[in-house]
Amino acid sequence: MERRSSAFYQRRHRERLREQGLVKKELWVLPEYADELVAVERRMRQPRGGAPLAMRTEGEGAMRDKTLWTATALHDALADSDGVRLGAMSVELIDGAEPGLYLTMHDYGDLPLFMAVVGRQIVVEAMLWPVSQVSDVARFNEELLRTHKLFPLSTLGIETLDGEAVYIMFGALSSASSLADVLFEVETLADNVIRATEAYEWHLREAA
């Protein structure tokens, strides 16, 4: 599987938004309003009276009895969700000692997300870019610590993938969460990856 940085998917995401007739507007708000602004933007990407795909989950496998999700059960529920049926995303079950999910967010330039169910927690993550691609790591890390709150429900960190240190963005929620909450987390993370790339790409040595 070819690994690309989030800058590649950011460019594809922008192209898709333009194809949909959307226009970019720059706004300046206080940091505490960031999550509210994201919600408003999502509503305004839909036709009047519509709702984001992540919220269209009437009866879509929500675990009302609070049974904990397994990777297989979550895969089946996501595969039957409107997001998959309408082509906004696709989901694949990755077999192994600890099964996981591979999500492709088509509405976000085919951005790949990885999901794992670990005990009482569901973790969703995406790779941003290799640490080696950052021109000044110390300066960049300081900025991350000062500005990460601009991306609600997501956290940034460093992991090692195939022997290479990379920046990732991830979110976590209870494995007893409803499917609506899982879908909201997934869409929020995808949106935050694109936003983080736009905010921090000037730290990168070269475009991916």
C-alpha atoms as a PDB file:
ATOM      1  CA  MET A   1       0.000   0.000   0.000  1.00  0.00           C
ATOM      2  CA  GLU A   2       1.542   3.308  -1.071  1.00  0.00           C
ATOM      3  CA  ARG A   3       1.854   5.801   1.767  1.00  0.00           C
ATOM      4  CA  ARG A   4       1.199   9.452   0.974  1.00  0.00           C
ATOM      5  CA  SER A   5       1.260  12.506   3.211  1.00  0.00           C
ATOM      6  CA  SER A   6      -1.900  14.434   4.043  1.00  0.00           C
ATOM      7  CA  ALA A   7      -0.844  17.218   1.636  1.00  0.00           C
ATOM      8  CA  PHE A   8      -1.620  14.912  -1.299  1.00  0.00           C
ATOM      9  CA  TYR A   9      -5.157  14.270  -0.017  1.00  0.00           C
ATOM     10  CA  GLN A  10      -5.615  17.928   0.834  1.00  0.00           C
ATOM     11  CA  ARG A  11      -5.036  18.846  -2.817  1.00  0.00           C
ATOM     12  CA  ARG A  12      -7.489  16.170  -3.995  1.00  0.00           C
ATOM     13  CA  HIS A  13     -10.010  17.358  -1.408  1.00  0.00           C
ATOM     14  CA  ARG A  14      -9.776  20.934  -2.684  1.00  0.00           C
ATOM     15  CA  GLU A  15     -10.282  19.757  -6.256  1.00  0.00           C
ATOM     16  CA  ARG A  16     -13.377  17.802  -5.283  1.00  0.00           C
ATOM     17  CA  LEU A  17     -14.877  20.761  -3.416  1.00  0.00           C
ATOM     18  CA  ARG A  18     -14.375  22.977  -6.469  1.00  0.00           C
ATOM     19  CA  GLU A  19     -16.027  20.346  -8.662  1.00  0.00           C
ATOM     20  CA  GLN A  20     -19.034  20.445  -6.314  1.00  0.00           C
ATOM     21  CA  GLY A  21     -19.365  24.194  -6.866  1.00  0.00           C
ATOM     22  CA  LEU A  22     -18.184  25.159  -3.375  1.00  0.00           C
ATOM     23  CA  VAL A  23     -16.135  28.305  -2.759  1.00  0.00           C
ATOM     24  CA  LYS A  24     -13.539  28.993  -0.068  1.00  0.00           C
ATOM     25  CA  LYS A  25     -14.122  31.850   2.400  1.00  0.00           C
ATOM     26  CA  GLU A  26     -11.526  32.816   5.000  1.00  0.00           C
ATOM     27  CA  LEU A  27     -12.846  33.713   8.453  1.00  0.00           C
ATOM     28  CA  TRP A  28     -11.212  34.913  11.666  1.00  0.00           C
ATOM     29  CA  VAL A  29     -12.757  33.753  14.939  1.00  0.00           C
ATOM     30  CA  LEU A  30     -11.703  33.231  18.536  1.00  0.00           C
ATOM     31  CA  PRO A  31     -10.297  29.711  19.194  1.00  0.00           C
ATOM     32  CA  GLU A  32     -13.224  28.786  21.468  1.00  0.00           C
ATOM     33  CA  TYR A  33     -15.611  29.065  18.507  1.00  0.00           C
ATOM     34  CA  ALA A  34     -13.642  26.669  16.257  1.00  0.00           C
ATOM     35  CA  ASP A  35     -15.886  23.645  16.828  1.00  0.00           C
ATOM     36  CA  GLU A  36     -19.039  25.713  16.261  1.00  0.00           C
ATOM     37  CA  LEU A  37     -17.615  27.073  13.007  1.00  0.00           C
ATOM     38  CA  VAL A  38     -16.872  23.520  11.799  1.00  0.00           C
ATOM     39  CA  ALA A  39     -20.494  22.529  12.452  1.00  0.00           C
ATOM     40  CA  VAL A  40     -21.775  25.584  10.556  1.00  0.00           C
ATOM     41  CA  GLU A  41     -19.464  24.869   7.607  1.00  0.00           C
ATOM     42  CA  ARG A  42     -20.685  21.269   7.378  1.00  0.00           C
ATOM     43  CA  ARG A  43     -24.290  22.405   7.287  1.00  0.00           C
ATOM     44  CA  MET A  44     -23.508  24.946   4.584  1.00  0.00           C
ATOM     45  CA  ARG A  45     -21.900  22.282   2.367  1.00  0.00           C
ATOM     46  CA  GLN A  46     -25.300  20.608   2.089  1.00  0.00           C
ATOM     47  CA  PRO A  47     -28.307  21.880   0.117  1.00  0.00           C
ATOM     48  CA  ARG A  48     -30.741  23.855   2.224  1.00  0.00           C
ATOM     49  CA  GLY A  49     -32.638  21.455   4.450  1.00  0.00           C
ATOM     50  CA  GLY A  50     -30.031  18.692   4.081  1.00  0.00           C
ATOM     51  CA  ALA A  51     -27.889  17.132   6.831  1.00  0.00           C
ATOM     52  CA  PRO A  52     -24.272  15.921   6.925  1.00  0.00           C
ATOM     53  CA  LEU A  53     -23.886  12.232   6.134  1.00  0.00           C
ATOM     54  CA  ALA A  54     -22.440  11.581   9.567  1.00  0.00           C
ATOM     55  CA  MET A  55     -25.760  12.556  11.128  1.00  0.00           C
ATOM     56  CA  ARG A  56     -27.974  10.401   8.859  1.00  0.00           C
ATOM     57  CA  THR A  57     -28.024   7.292  10.993  1.00  0.00           C
ATOM     58  CA  GLU A  58     -31.653   6.529  11.768  1.00  0.00           C
ATOM     59  CA  GLY A  59     -31.573   2.932  12.961  1.00  0.00           C
ATOM     60  CA  GLU A  60     -28.170   2.292  11.401  1.00  0.00           C
ATOM     61  CA  GLY A  61     -26.868  -0.200  13.936  1.00  0.00           C
ATOM     62  CA  ALA A  62     -26.606   2.167  16.878  1.00  0.00           C
ATOM     63  CA  MET A  63     -25.865  -0.026  19.885  1.00  0.00           C
ATOM     64  CA  ARG A  64     -28.732   1.077  22.033  1.00  0.00           C
ATOM     65  CA  ASP A  65     -28.039  -1.614  24.600  1.00  0.00           C
ATOM     66  CA  LYS A  66     -24.459  -0.300  25.005  1.00  0.00           C
ATOM     67  CA  THR A  67     -22.910  -3.585  23.870  1.00  0.00           C
ATOM     68  CA  LEU A  68     -19.268  -2.964  23.012  1.00  0.00           C
ATOM     69  CA  TRP A  69     -18.395  -2.834  19.339  1.00  0.00           C
ATOM     70  CA  THR A  70     -16.049  -5.391  17.808  1.00  0.00           C
ATOM     71  CA  ALA A  71     -14.083  -4.639  14.641  1.00  0.00           C
ATOM     72  CA  THR A  72     -16.273  -7.006  12.636  1.00  0.00           C
ATOM     73  CA  ALA A  73     -19.558  -5.619  13.952  1.00  0.00           C
ATOM     74  CA  LEU A  74     -18.384  -2.059  13.385  1.00  0.00           C
ATOM     75  CA  HIS A  75     -17.323  -2.908   9.842  1.00  0.00           C
ATOM     76  CA  ASP A  76     -20.747  -4.367   9.068  1.00  0.00           C
ATOM     77  CA  ALA A  77     -22.541  -1.343  10.528  1.00  0.00           C
ATOM     78  CA  LEU A  78     -20.359   1.156   8.667  1.00  0.00           C
ATOM     79  CA  ALA A  79     -20.734  -0.807   5.430  1.00  0.00           C
ATOM     80  CA  ASP A  80     -24.508  -0.423   5.757  1.00  0.00           C
ATOM     81  CA  SER A  81     -24.386   3.307   6.578  1.00  0.00           C
ATOM     82  CA  ASP A  82     -25.475   6.098   4.257  1.00  0.00           C
ATOM     83  CA  GLY A  83     -21.883   7.291   4.009  1.00  0.00           C
ATOM     84  CA  VAL A  84     -20.887   4.070   2.240  1.00  0.00           C
ATOM     85  CA  ARG A  85     -24.123   3.601   0.292  1.00  0.00           C
ATOM     86  CA  LEU A  86     -23.906   7.129  -1.121  1.00  0.00           C
ATOM     87  CA  GLY A  87     -20.221   6.852  -1.974  1.00  0.00           C
ATOM     88  CA  ALA A  88     -18.841   9.333   0.582  1.00  0.00           C
ATOM     89  CA  MET A  89     -16.539   6.667   1.997  1.00  0.00           C
ATOM     90  CA  SER A  90     -15.674   2.981   1.768  1.00  0.00           C
ATOM     91  CA  VAL A  91     -14.633   0.564   4.503  1.00  0.00           C
ATOM     92  CA  GLU A  92     -12.524  -2.584   4.495  1.00  0.00           C
ATOM     93  CA  LEU A  93     -11.945  -5.109   7.284  1.00  0.00           C
ATOM     94  CA  ILE A  94      -8.254  -5.860   7.829  1.00  0.00           C
ATOM     95  CA  ASP A  95      -7.829  -9.388   9.186  1.00  0.00           C
ATOM     96  CA  GLY A  96      -5.142 -10.203  11.693  1.00  0.00           C
ATOM     97  CA  ALA A  97      -4.477 -11.045  15.319  1.00  0.00           C
ATOM     98  CA  GLU A  98      -6.167  -7.718  16.118  1.00  0.00           C
ATOM     99  CA  PRO A  99      -8.581  -6.912  13.244  1.00  0.00           C
ATOM    100  CA  GLY A 100      -8.844  -3.304  12.182  1.00  0.00           C
ATOM    101  CA  LEU A 101     -10.683  -1.171   9.660  1.00  0.00           C
ATOM    102  CA  TYR A 102      -9.339   0.739   6.676  1.00  0.00           C
ATOM    103  CA  LEU A 103     -11.571   3.647   5.652  1.00  0.00           C
ATOM    104  CA  THR A 104     -11.224   5.653   2.449  1.00  0.00           C
ATOM    105  CA  MET A 105     -12.844   9.079   2.751  1.00  0.00           C
ATOM    106  CA  HIS A 106     -13.819   9.829  -0.846  1.00  0.00           C
ATOM    107  CA  ASP A 107     -15.268  13.235   0.036  1.00  0.00           C
ATOM    108  CA  TYR A 108     -11.836  14.165   1.434  1.00  0.00           C
ATOM    109  CA  GLY A 109      -9.709  13.329  -1.593  1.00  0.00           C
ATOM    110  CA  ASP A 110      -9.698   9.573  -0.806  1.00  0.00           C
ATOM    111  CA  LEU A 111      -7.958  10.256   2.507  1.00  0.00           C
ATOM    112  CA  PRO A 112      -7.179   6.928   4.263  1.00  0.00           C
ATOM    113  CA  LEU A 113      -8.105   6.448   7.927  1.00  0.00           C
ATOM    114  CA  PHE A 114      -7.337   3.488  10.158  1.00  0.00           C
ATOM    115  CA  MET A 115      -9.693   2.357  12.907  1.00  0.00           C
ATOM    116  CA  ALA A 116      -9.074  -0.123  15.709  1.00  0.00           C
ATOM    117  CA  VAL A 117     -11.285  -1.392  18.507  1.00  0.00           C
ATOM    118  CA  VAL A 118      -9.127  -1.905  21.586  1.00  0.00           C
ATOM    119  CA  GLY A 119     -11.062  -3.046  24.647  1.00  0.00           C
ATOM    120  CA  ARG A 120     -13.386  -0.237  25.650  1.00  0.00           C
ATOM    121  CA  GLN A 121     -11.969   2.246  23.168  1.00  0.00           C
ATOM    122  CA  ILE A 122     -12.234   2.934  19.430  1.00  0.00           C
ATOM    123  CA  VAL A 123      -9.247   4.742  17.920  1.00  0.00           C
ATOM    124  CA  VAL A 124      -9.310   6.414  14.490  1.00  0.00           C
ATOM    125  CA  GLU A 125      -6.101   7.816  13.038  1.00  0.00           C
ATOM    126  CA  ALA A 126      -4.521   9.259   9.912  1.00  0.00           C
ATOM    127  CA  MET A 127      -0.930   9.889   8.934  1.00  0.00           C
ATOM    128  CA  LEU A 128       0.009  13.516   8.304  1.00  0.00           C
ATOM    129  CA  TRP A 129       3.643  13.462   7.083  1.00  0.00           C
ATOM    130  CA  PRO A 130       7.115  12.128   8.026  1.00  0.00           C
ATOM    131  CA  VAL A 131       9.016  14.002  10.722  1.00  0.00           C
ATOM    132  CA  SER A 132      11.909  14.252   8.254  1.00  0.00           C
ATOM    133  CA  GLN A 133       9.743  16.411   5.982  1.00  0.00           C
ATOM    134  CA  VAL A 134       9.505  19.197   8.588  1.00  0.00           C
ATOM    135  CA  SER A 135      12.105  21.935   8.131  1.00  0.00           C
ATOM    136  CA  ASP A 136      12.427  22.865  11.837  1.00  0.00           C
ATOM    137  CA  VAL A 137      11.071  20.104  14.088  1.00  0.00           C
ATOM    138  CA  ALA A 138      11.516  21.948  17.399  1.00  0.00           C
ATOM    139  CA  ARG A 139       9.695  25.037  16.115  1.00  0.00           C
ATOM    140  CA  PHE A 140       6.955  22.922  14.580  1.00  0.00           C
ATOM    141  CA  ASN A 141       6.424  20.877  17.745  1.00  0.00           C
ATOM    142  CA  GLU A 142       6.090  24.061  19.789  1.00  0.00           C
ATOM    143  CA  GLU A 143       3.464  25.395  17.418  1.00  0.00           C
ATOM    144  CA  LEU A 144       1.540  22.108  17.611  1.00  0.00           C
ATOM    145  CA  LEU A 145       1.409  22.320  21.399  1.00  0.00           C
ATOM    146  CA  ARG A 146       0.173  25.906  21.232  1.00  0.00           C
ATOM    147  CA  THR A 147      -2.469  25.429  18.536  1.00  0.00           C
ATOM    148  CA  HIS A 148      -3.749  21.826  18.700  1.00  0.00           C
ATOM    149  CA  LYS A 149      -6.972  22.998  20.384  1.00  0.00           C
ATOM    150  CA  LEU A 150      -8.019  24.453  17.035  1.00  0.00           C
ATOM    151  CA  PHE A 151      -8.856  20.905  15.933  1.00  0.00           C
ATOM    152  CA  PRO A 152     -11.681  19.700  18.205  1.00  0.00           C
ATOM    153  CA  LEU A 153     -11.926  15.995  19.135  1.00  0.00           C
ATOM    154  CA  SER A 154      -8.539  15.210  17.553  1.00  0.00           C
ATOM    155  CA  THR A 155      -4.999  14.888  18.919  1.00  0.00           C
ATOM    156  CA  LEU A 156      -1.634  15.100  17.170  1.00  0.00           C
ATOM    157  CA  GLY A 157       1.321  12.872  17.941  1.00  0.00           C
ATOM    158  CA  ILE A 158       4.340  11.017  16.564  1.00  0.00           C
ATOM    159  CA  GLU A 159       4.482   7.287  15.789  1.00  0.00           C
ATOM    160  CA  THR A 160       6.913   4.994  13.995  1.00  0.00           C
ATOM    161  CA  LEU A 161       5.591   3.367  10.806  1.00  0.00           C
ATOM    162  CA  ASP A 162       7.821   0.947   8.899  1.00  0.00           C
ATOM    163  CA  GLY A 163      10.812   2.283  10.776  1.00  0.00           C
ATOM    164  CA  GLU A 164      10.054   5.944  10.001  1.00  0.00           C
ATOM    165  CA  ALA A 165       8.877   8.579  12.490  1.00  0.00           C
ATOM    166  CA  VAL A 166       5.674  10.255  11.252  1.00  0.00           C
ATOM    167  CA  TYR A 167       3.163  12.762  12.567  1.00  0.00           C
ATOM    168  CA  ILE A 168      -0.337  11.393  13.006  1.00  0.00           C
ATOM    169  CA  MET A 169      -3.717  12.796  13.971  1.00  0.00           C
ATOM    170  CA  PHE A 170      -6.114  10.617  15.901  1.00  0.00           C
ATOM    171  CA  GLY A 171      -9.368  10.603  17.820  1.00  0.00           C
ATOM    172  CA  ALA A 172     -10.749   8.165  20.377  1.00  0.00           C
ATOM    173  CA  LEU A 173     -14.173   7.347  21.765  1.00  0.00           C
ATOM    174  CA  SER A 174     -15.844   4.645  23.818  1.00  0.00           C
ATOM    175  CA  SER A 175     -16.444   1.287  22.128  1.00  0.00           C
ATOM    176  CA  ALA A 176     -19.979   1.544  23.535  1.00  0.00           C
ATOM    177  CA  SER A 177     -20.611   4.669  21.430  1.00  0.00           C
ATOM    178  CA  SER A 178     -23.520   4.823  19.012  1.00  0.00           C
ATOM    179  CA  LEU A 179     -22.862   4.489  15.299  1.00  0.00           C
ATOM    180  CA  ALA A 180     -23.827   8.159  14.910  1.00  0.00           C
ATOM    181  CA  ASP A 181     -21.008   9.111  17.288  1.00  0.00           C
ATOM    182  CA  VAL A 182     -18.531   6.875  15.455  1.00  0.00           C
ATOM    183  CA  LEU A 183     -19.453   8.434  12.110  1.00  0.00           C
ATOM    184  CA  PHE A 184     -19.190  11.914  13.588  1.00  0.00           C
ATOM    185  CA  GLU A 185     -15.709  11.102  14.932  1.00  0.00           C
ATOM    186  CA  VAL A 186     -14.621   9.749  11.552  1.00  0.00           C
ATOM    187  CA  GLU A 187     -15.839  12.797   9.628  1.00  0.00           C
ATOM    188  CA  THR A 188     -14.406  15.175  12.220  1.00  0.00           C
ATOM    189  CA  LEU A 189     -10.988  13.539  11.997  1.00  0.00           C
ATOM    190  CA  ALA A 190     -10.983  13.653   8.190  1.00  0.00           C
ATOM    191  CA  ASP A 191     -11.959  17.323   8.251  1.00  0.00           C
ATOM    192  CA  ASN A 192      -9.312  18.110  10.885  1.00  0.00           C
ATOM    193  CA  VAL A 193      -6.585  16.391   8.847  1.00  0.00           C
ATOM    194  CA  ILE A 194      -7.341  18.679   5.912  1.00  0.00           C
ATOM    195  CA  ARG A 195      -7.460  21.734   8.162  1.00  0.00           C
ATOM    196  CA  ALA A 196      -4.220  20.822   9.920  1.00  0.00           C
ATOM    197  CA  THR A 197      -2.463  20.381   6.593  1.00  0.00           C
ATOM    198  CA  GLU A 198      -3.634  23.823   5.472  1.00  0.00           C
ATOM    199  CA  ALA A 199      -2.486  25.337   8.778  1.00  0.00           C
ATOM    200  CA  TYR A 200       0.932  23.696   9.004  1.00  0.00           C
ATOM    201  CA  GLU A 201       2.067  22.963   5.445  1.00  0.00           C
ATOM    202  CA  TRP A 202       4.388  25.969   5.439  1.00  0.00           C
ATOM    203  CA  HIS A 203       6.594  24.027   7.883  1.00  0.00           C
ATOM    204  CA  LEU A 204       7.209  21.306   5.291  1.00  0.00           C
ATOM    205  CA  ARG A 205      10.369  21.136   3.187  1.00  0.00           C
ATOM    206  CA  GLU A 206       8.482  20.283   0.012  1.00  0.00           C
ATOM    207  CA  ALA A 207       4.990  19.357  -1.157  1.00  0.00           C
ATOM    208  CA  ALA A 208       4.185  15.617  -1.013  1.00  0.00           C
END
